PDB file of N, CA and C in Angstrom:
ATOM      1  N   MET A   1     -27.017 -46.677  14.556  1.00  0.00           N
ATOM      2  CA  MET A   1     -28.414 -46.913  14.772  1.00  0.00           C
ATOM      3  C   MET A   1     -28.583 -47.492  16.173  1.00  0.00           C
ATOM      4  N   GLY A   2     -29.579 -46.983  16.880  1.00  0.00           N
ATOM      5  CA  GLY A   2     -29.793 -47.408  18.244  1.00  0.00           C
ATOM      6  C   GLY A   2     -30.548 -48.721  18.357  1.00  0.00           C
ATOM      7  N   PHE A   3     -30.534 -49.250  19.562  1.00  0.00           N
ATOM      8  CA  PHE A   3     -31.183 -50.526  19.849  1.00  0.00           C
ATOM      9  C   PHE A   3     -32.669 -50.495  19.515  1.00  0.00           C
ATOM     10  N   PHE A   4     -33.368 -49.446  19.967  1.00  0.00           N
ATOM     11  CA  PHE A   4     -34.813 -49.375  19.751  1.00  0.00           C
ATOM     12  C   PHE A   4     -35.147 -49.228  18.270  1.00  0.00           C
ATOM     13  N   ARG A   5     -34.345 -48.467  17.557  1.00  0.00           N
ATOM     14  CA  ARG A   5     -34.565 -48.291  16.119  1.00  0.00           C
ATOM     15  C   ARG A   5     -34.424 -49.647  15.398  1.00  0.00           C
ATOM     16  N   ARG A   6     -33.416 -50.417  15.743  1.00  0.00           N
ATOM     17  CA  ARG A   6     -33.237 -51.744  15.132  1.00  0.00           C
ATOM     18  C   ARG A   6     -34.436 -52.640  15.439  1.00  0.00           C
ATOM     19  N   GLN A   7     -34.926 -52.565  16.675  1.00  0.00           N
ATOM     20  CA  GLN A   7     -36.082 -53.376  17.060  1.00  0.00           C
ATOM     21  C   GLN A   7     -37.325 -52.959  16.280  1.00  0.00           C
ATOM     22  N   GLU A   8     -37.518 -51.672  16.079  1.00  0.00           N
ATOM     23  CA  GLU A   8     -38.659 -51.189  15.294  1.00  0.00           C
ATOM     24  C   GLU A   8     -38.570 -51.695  13.857  1.00  0.00           C
ATOM     25  N   GLU A   9     -37.380 -51.643  13.281  1.00  0.00           N
ATOM     26  CA  GLU A   9     -37.202 -52.105  11.904  1.00  0.00           C
ATOM     27  C   GLU A   9     -37.417 -53.613  11.808  1.00  0.00           C
ATOM     28  N   ARG A  10     -36.928 -54.367  12.786  1.00  0.00           N
ATOM     29  CA  ARG A  10     -37.146 -55.821  12.785  1.00  0.00           C
ATOM     30  C   ARG A  10     -38.634 -56.137  12.905  1.00  0.00           C
ATOM     31  N   MET A  11     -39.331 -55.396  13.770  1.00  0.00           N
ATOM     32  CA  MET A  11     -40.765 -55.601  13.930  1.00  0.00           C
ATOM     33  C   MET A  11     -41.481 -55.277  12.627  1.00  0.00           C
ATOM     34  N   ALA A  12     -41.070 -54.216  11.943  1.00  0.00           N
ATOM     35  CA  ALA A  12     -41.686 -53.844  10.672  1.00  0.00           C
ATOM     36  C   ALA A  12     -41.431 -54.916   9.611  1.00  0.00           C
ATOM     37  N   VAL A  13     -40.237 -55.508   9.589  1.00  0.00           N
ATOM     38  CA  VAL A  13     -39.934 -56.594   8.642  1.00  0.00           C
ATOM     39  C   VAL A  13     -40.862 -57.777   8.911  1.00  0.00           C
ATOM     40  N   HIS A  14     -41.020 -58.147  10.167  1.00  0.00           N
ATOM     41  CA  HIS A  14     -41.888 -59.273  10.521  1.00  0.00           C
ATOM     42  C   HIS A  14     -43.338 -58.965  10.150  1.00  0.00           C
ATOM     43  N   TYR A  15     -43.762 -57.752  10.418  1.00  0.00           N
ATOM     44  CA  TYR A  15     -45.139 -57.362  10.111  1.00  0.00           C
ATOM     45  C   TYR A  15     -45.366 -57.347   8.602  1.00  0.00           C
ATOM     46  N   LEU A  16     -44.404 -56.821   7.836  1.00  0.00           N
ATOM     47  CA  LEU A  16     -44.510 -56.831   6.376  1.00  0.00           C
ATOM     48  C   LEU A  16     -44.573 -58.259   5.845  1.00  0.00           C
ATOM     49  N   THR A  17     -43.712 -59.125   6.362  1.00  0.00           N
ATOM     50  CA  THR A  17     -43.698 -60.523   5.939  1.00  0.00           C
ATOM     51  C   THR A  17     -45.055 -61.163   6.191  1.00  0.00           C
ATOM     52  N   TRP A  18     -45.591 -60.941   7.367  1.00  0.00           N
ATOM     53  CA  TRP A  18     -46.892 -61.490   7.719  1.00  0.00           C
ATOM     54  C   TRP A  18     -47.968 -60.973   6.781  1.00  0.00           C
ATOM     55  N   GLN A  19     -47.927 -59.677   6.464  1.00  0.00           N
ATOM     56  CA  GLN A  19     -48.921 -59.102   5.561  1.00  0.00           C
ATOM     57  C   GLN A  19     -48.816 -59.698   4.155  1.00  0.00           C
ATOM     58  N   TYR A  20     -47.593 -59.856   3.649  1.00  0.00           N
ATOM     59  CA  TYR A  20     -47.415 -60.480   2.335  1.00  0.00           C
ATOM     60  C   TYR A  20     -47.989 -61.895   2.330  1.00  0.00           C
ATOM     61  N   GLN A  21     -47.670 -62.667   3.359  1.00  0.00           N
ATOM     62  CA  GLN A  21     -48.158 -64.041   3.441  1.00  0.00           C
ATOM     63  C   GLN A  21     -49.678 -64.082   3.547  1.00  0.00           C
ATOM     64  N   LYS A  22     -50.229 -63.174   4.328  1.00  0.00           N
ATOM     65  CA  LYS A  22     -51.668 -63.112   4.518  1.00  0.00           C
ATOM     66  C   LYS A  22     -52.383 -62.814   3.205  1.00  0.00           C
ATOM     67  N   MET A  23     -51.753 -62.012   2.343  1.00  0.00           N
ATOM     68  CA  MET A  23     -52.347 -61.639   1.061  1.00  0.00           C
ATOM     69  C   MET A  23     -51.973 -62.609  -0.062  1.00  0.00           C
ATOM     70  N   ASN A  24     -51.246 -63.676   0.270  1.00  0.00           N
ATOM     71  CA  ASN A  24     -50.776 -64.648  -0.717  1.00  0.00           C
ATOM     72  C   ASN A  24     -49.954 -64.008  -1.827  1.00  0.00           C
ATOM     73  N   ILE A  25     -49.105 -63.061  -1.446  1.00  0.00           N
ATOM     74  CA  ILE A  25     -48.176 -62.399  -2.363  1.00  0.00           C
ATOM     75  C   ILE A  25     -46.785 -62.916  -2.023  1.00  0.00           C
ATOM     76  N   PRO A  26     -45.971 -63.231  -3.042  1.00  0.00           N
ATOM     77  CA  PRO A  26     -44.611 -63.696  -2.735  1.00  0.00           C
ATOM     78  C   PRO A  26     -43.846 -62.675  -1.877  1.00  0.00           C
ATOM     79  N   VAL A  27     -43.224 -63.167  -0.838  1.00  0.00           N
ATOM     80  CA  VAL A  27     -42.460 -62.305   0.070  1.00  0.00           C
ATOM     81  C   VAL A  27     -41.152 -61.914  -0.614  1.00  0.00           C
ATOM     82  N   PRO A  28     -40.857 -60.605  -0.685  1.00  0.00           N
ATOM     83  CA  PRO A  28     -39.596 -60.178  -1.308  1.00  0.00           C
ATOM     84  C   PRO A  28     -38.378 -60.675  -0.526  1.00  0.00           C
ATOM     85  N   MET A  29     -37.236 -60.529  -1.152  1.00  0.00           N
ATOM     86  CA  MET A  29     -35.969 -60.889  -0.505  1.00  0.00           C
ATOM     87  C   MET A  29     -35.803 -60.054   0.769  1.00  0.00           C
ATOM     88  N   LEU A  30     -35.005 -60.557   1.702  1.00  0.00           N
ATOM     89  CA  LEU A  30     -34.796 -59.886   2.982  1.00  0.00           C
ATOM     90  C   LEU A  30     -34.279 -58.462   2.801  1.00  0.00           C
ATOM     91  N   ALA A  31     -33.370 -58.246   1.854  1.00  0.00           N
ATOM     92  CA  ALA A  31     -32.825 -56.898   1.641  1.00  0.00           C
ATOM     93  C   ALA A  31     -33.928 -55.918   1.245  1.00  0.00           C
ATOM     94  N   GLU A  32     -34.863 -56.356   0.407  1.00  0.00           N
ATOM     95  CA  GLU A  32     -35.978 -55.493  -0.002  1.00  0.00           C
ATOM     96  C   GLU A  32     -36.913 -55.230   1.177  1.00  0.00           C
ATOM     97  N   LEU A  33     -37.188 -56.264   1.971  1.00  0.00           N
ATOM     98  CA  LEU A  33     -38.025 -56.085   3.159  1.00  0.00           C
ATOM     99  C   LEU A  33     -37.387 -55.097   4.137  1.00  0.00           C
ATOM    100  N   GLU A  34     -36.082 -55.210   4.334  1.00  0.00           N
ATOM    101  CA  GLU A  34     -35.386 -54.302   5.247  1.00  0.00           C
ATOM    102  C   GLU A  34     -35.451 -52.867   4.737  1.00  0.00           C
ATOM    103  N   LEU A  35     -35.335 -52.672   3.435  1.00  0.00           N
ATOM    104  CA  LEU A  35     -35.434 -51.333   2.854  1.00  0.00           C
ATOM    105  C   LEU A  35     -36.844 -50.770   3.060  1.00  0.00           C
ATOM    106  N   GLN A  36     -37.863 -51.585   2.800  1.00  0.00           N
ATOM    107  CA  GLN A  36     -39.242 -51.155   3.019  1.00  0.00           C
ATOM    108  C   GLN A  36     -39.474 -50.815   4.489  1.00  0.00           C
ATOM    109  N   ALA A  37     -38.962 -51.658   5.379  1.00  0.00           N
ATOM    110  CA  ALA A  37     -39.129 -51.442   6.821  1.00  0.00           C
ATOM    111  C   ALA A  37     -38.446 -50.154   7.259  1.00  0.00           C
ATOM    112  N   LYS A  38     -37.258 -49.892   6.737  1.00  0.00           N
ATOM    113  CA  LYS A  38     -36.536 -48.671   7.088  1.00  0.00           C
ATOM    114  C   LYS A  38     -37.342 -47.442   6.675  1.00  0.00           C
ATOM    115  N   LYS A  39     -37.906 -47.468   5.471  1.00  0.00           N
ATOM    116  CA  LYS A  39     -38.715 -46.336   5.002  1.00  0.00           C
ATOM    117  C   LYS A  39     -39.947 -46.150   5.875  1.00  0.00           C
ATOM    118  N   ILE A  40     -40.584 -47.253   6.245  1.00  0.00           N
ATOM    119  CA  ILE A  40     -41.778 -47.177   7.090  1.00  0.00           C
ATOM    120  C   ILE A  40     -41.437 -46.611   8.464  1.00  0.00           C
ATOM    121  N   VAL A  41     -40.345 -47.075   9.057  1.00  0.00           N
ATOM    122  CA  VAL A  41     -39.946 -46.598  10.389  1.00  0.00           C
ATOM    123  C   VAL A  41     -39.545 -45.116  10.315  1.00  0.00           C
ATOM    124  N   ASP A  42     -38.816 -44.724   9.267  1.00  0.00           N
ATOM    125  CA  ASP A  42     -38.456 -43.306   9.095  1.00  0.00           C
ATOM    126  C   ASP A  42     -39.706 -42.436   9.035  1.00  0.00           C
ATOM    127  N   GLU A  43     -40.669 -42.869   8.231  1.00  0.00           N
ATOM    128  CA  GLU A  43     -41.912 -42.109   8.082  1.00  0.00           C
ATOM    129  C   GLU A  43     -42.690 -42.076   9.403  1.00  0.00           C
ATOM    130  N   ALA A  44     -42.716 -43.194  10.115  1.00  0.00           N
ATOM    131  CA  ALA A  44     -43.418 -43.248  11.401  1.00  0.00           C
ATOM    132  C   ALA A  44     -42.790 -42.279  12.400  1.00  0.00           C
ATOM    133  N   HIS A  45     -41.472 -42.196  12.418  1.00  0.00           N
ATOM    134  CA  HIS A  45     -40.805 -41.264  13.334  1.00  0.00           C
ATOM    135  C   HIS A  45     -41.088 -39.819  12.947  1.00  0.00           C
ATOM    136  N   ARG A  46     -41.120 -39.555  11.655  1.00  0.00           N
ATOM    137  CA  ARG A  46     -41.422 -38.195  11.197  1.00  0.00           C
ATOM    138  C   ARG A  46     -42.842 -37.799  11.610  1.00  0.00           C
ATOM    139  N   ILE A  47     -43.785 -38.695  11.373  1.00  0.00           N
ATOM    140  CA  ILE A  47     -45.177 -38.420  11.744  1.00  0.00           C
ATOM    141  C   ILE A  47     -45.305 -38.303  13.260  1.00  0.00           C
ATOM    142  N   GLY A  48     -44.653 -39.187  13.993  1.00  0.00           N
ATOM    143  CA  GLY A  48     -44.710 -39.133  15.454  1.00  0.00           C
ATOM    144  C   GLY A  48     -44.171 -37.831  16.005  1.00  0.00           C
ATOM    145  N   ALA A  49     -43.093 -37.326  15.405  1.00  0.00           N
ATOM    146  CA  ALA A  49     -42.515 -36.056  15.852  1.00  0.00           C
ATOM    147  C   ALA A  49     -43.461 -34.898  15.562  1.00  0.00           C
ATOM    148  N   GLU A  50     -44.132 -34.940  14.423  1.00  0.00           N
ATOM    149  CA  GLU A  50     -45.054 -33.867  14.055  1.00  0.00           C
ATOM    150  C   GLU A  50     -46.326 -33.879  14.895  1.00  0.00           C
ATOM    151  N   ARG A  51     -46.862 -35.074  15.134  1.00  0.00           N
ATOM    152  CA  ARG A  51     -48.184 -35.196  15.756  1.00  0.00           C
ATOM    153  C   ARG A  51     -48.161 -35.672  17.195  1.00  0.00           C
ATOM    154  N   GLY A  52     -46.992 -36.076  17.673  1.00  0.00           N
ATOM    155  CA  GLY A  52     -46.896 -36.537  19.050  1.00  0.00           C
ATOM    156  C   GLY A  52     -47.624 -37.844  19.291  1.00  0.00           C
ATOM    157  N   ARG A  53     -47.593 -38.747  18.308  1.00  0.00           N
ATOM    158  CA  ARG A  53     -48.293 -40.025  18.431  1.00  0.00           C
ATOM    159  C   ARG A  53     -47.315 -41.163  18.675  1.00  0.00           C
ATOM    160  N   ASN A  54     -47.870 -42.327  19.009  1.00  0.00           N
ATOM    161  CA  ASN A  54     -47.103 -43.538  19.265  1.00  0.00           C
ATOM    162  C   ASN A  54     -46.518 -44.070  17.964  1.00  0.00           C
ATOM    163  N   VAL A  55     -45.217 -44.274  17.922  1.00  0.00           N
ATOM    164  CA  VAL A  55     -44.526 -44.712  16.705  1.00  0.00           C
ATOM    165  C   VAL A  55     -44.992 -46.097  16.269  1.00  0.00           C
ATOM    166  N   MET A  56     -45.199 -47.020  17.183  1.00  0.00           N
ATOM    167  CA  MET A  56     -45.602 -48.372  16.799  1.00  0.00           C
ATOM    168  C   MET A  56     -46.980 -48.367  16.137  1.00  0.00           C
ATOM    169  N   GLY A  57     -47.894 -47.573  16.637  1.00  0.00           N
ATOM    170  CA  GLY A  57     -49.209 -47.467  16.009  1.00  0.00           C
ATOM    171  C   GLY A  57     -49.110 -46.885  14.609  1.00  0.00           C
ATOM    172  N   ILE A  58     -48.239 -45.910  14.446  1.00  0.00           N
ATOM    173  CA  ILE A  58     -48.034 -45.299  13.139  1.00  0.00           C
ATOM    174  C   ILE A  58     -47.422 -46.314  12.175  1.00  0.00           C
ATOM    175  N   ILE A  59     -46.474 -47.116  12.643  1.00  0.00           N
ATOM    176  CA  ILE A  59     -45.855 -48.135  11.790  1.00  0.00           C
ATOM    177  C   ILE A  59     -46.930 -49.096  11.271  1.00  0.00           C
ATOM    178  N   LYS A  60     -47.823 -49.530  12.129  1.00  0.00           N
ATOM    179  CA  LYS A  60     -48.885 -50.438  11.703  1.00  0.00           C
ATOM    180  C   LYS A  60     -49.767 -49.776  10.641  1.00  0.00           C
ATOM    181  N   GLU A  61     -50.116 -48.500  10.836  1.00  0.00           N
ATOM    182  CA  GLU A  61     -50.923 -47.790   9.848  1.00  0.00           C
ATOM    183  C   GLU A  61     -50.188 -47.670   8.515  1.00  0.00           C
ATOM    184  N   LEU A  62     -48.893 -47.380   8.562  1.00  0.00           N
ATOM    185  CA  LEU A  62     -48.124 -47.236   7.330  1.00  0.00           C
ATOM    186  C   LEU A  62     -48.011 -48.561   6.584  1.00  0.00           C
ATOM    187  N   VAL A  63     -47.863 -49.657   7.320  1.00  0.00           N
ATOM    188  CA  VAL A  63     -47.805 -50.968   6.661  1.00  0.00           C
ATOM    189  C   VAL A  63     -49.147 -51.265   6.001  1.00  0.00           C
ATOM    190  N   GLU A  64     -50.242 -50.930   6.666  1.00  0.00           N
ATOM    191  CA  GLU A  64     -51.565 -51.132   6.066  1.00  0.00           C
ATOM    192  C   GLU A  64     -51.693 -50.319   4.773  1.00  0.00           C
ATOM    193  N   ASP A  65     -51.242 -49.060   4.797  1.00  0.00           N
ATOM    194  CA  ASP A  65     -51.279 -48.232   3.597  1.00  0.00           C
ATOM    195  C   ASP A  65     -50.401 -48.816   2.502  1.00  0.00           C
ATOM    196  N   PHE A  66     -49.224 -49.300   2.887  1.00  0.00           N
ATOM    197  CA  PHE A  66     -48.311 -49.920   1.926  1.00  0.00           C
ATOM    198  C   PHE A  66     -48.957 -51.149   1.307  1.00  0.00           C
ATOM    199  N   LYS A  67     -49.611 -51.939   2.148  1.00  0.00           N
ATOM    200  CA  LYS A  67     -50.265 -53.159   1.692  1.00  0.00           C
ATOM    201  C   LYS A  67     -51.350 -52.814   0.666  1.00  0.00           C
ATOM    202  N   LYS A  68     -52.133 -51.788   0.939  1.00  0.00           N
ATOM    203  CA  LYS A  68     -53.183 -51.378   0.013  1.00  0.00           C
ATOM    204  C   LYS A  68     -52.593 -50.920  -1.318  1.00  0.00           C
ATOM    205  N   SER A  69     -51.509 -50.170  -1.282  1.00  0.00           N
ATOM    206  CA  SER A  69     -50.910 -49.691  -2.523  1.00  0.00           C
ATOM    207  C   SER A  69     -50.323 -50.847  -3.320  1.00  0.00           C
ATOM    208  N   ARG A  70     -49.773 -51.860  -2.661  1.00  0.00           N
ATOM    209  CA  ARG A  70     -49.224 -53.037  -3.349  1.00  0.00           C
ATOM    210  C   ARG A  70     -50.355 -53.849  -3.971  1.00  0.00           C
ATOM    211  N   THR A  71     -51.512 -53.905  -3.340  1.00  0.00           N
ATOM    212  CA  THR A  71     -52.651 -54.645  -3.870  1.00  0.00           C
ATOM    213  C   THR A  71     -53.102 -54.024  -5.186  1.00  0.00           C
ATOM    214  N   TYR A  72     -53.161 -52.706  -5.236  1.00  0.00           N
ATOM    215  CA  TYR A  72     -53.595 -52.030  -6.451  1.00  0.00           C
ATOM    216  C   TYR A  72     -52.573 -52.196  -7.571  1.00  0.00           C
ATOM    217  N   GLU A  73     -51.279 -52.252  -7.234  1.00  0.00           N
ATOM    218  CA  GLU A  73     -50.238 -52.426  -8.245  1.00  0.00           C
ATOM    219  C   GLU A  73     -50.309 -53.811  -8.868  1.00  0.00           C
ATOM    220  N   LYS A  74     -50.711 -54.822  -8.112  1.00  0.00           N
ATOM    221  CA  LYS A  74     -50.726 -56.206  -8.602  1.00  0.00           C
ATOM    222  C   LYS A  74     -51.861 -56.448  -9.581  1.00  0.00           C
ATOM    223  N   LYS A  75     -52.934 -55.655  -9.509  1.00  0.00           N
ATOM    224  CA  LYS A  75     -54.109 -55.885 -10.366  1.00  0.00           C
ATOM    225  C   LYS A  75     -53.873 -55.388 -11.761  1.00  0.00           C
TER     226      LYS A  75
END
């Protein structure tokens, strides 16, 4: 795994953690956060390759979508 990919995944972990805290939802264990971040970054790269968009912007959108789906699961 390259340097930039690791940085994207770390940023996604931090962003996910912040979103969980913001929503007052218990933050999962680090291993679960890393797995979620990896899936988000993979999806962002796939979308970026298809649409020619900025990967970081896509990651933020995917985390927002993930956050919405987690909110509905908790209710």
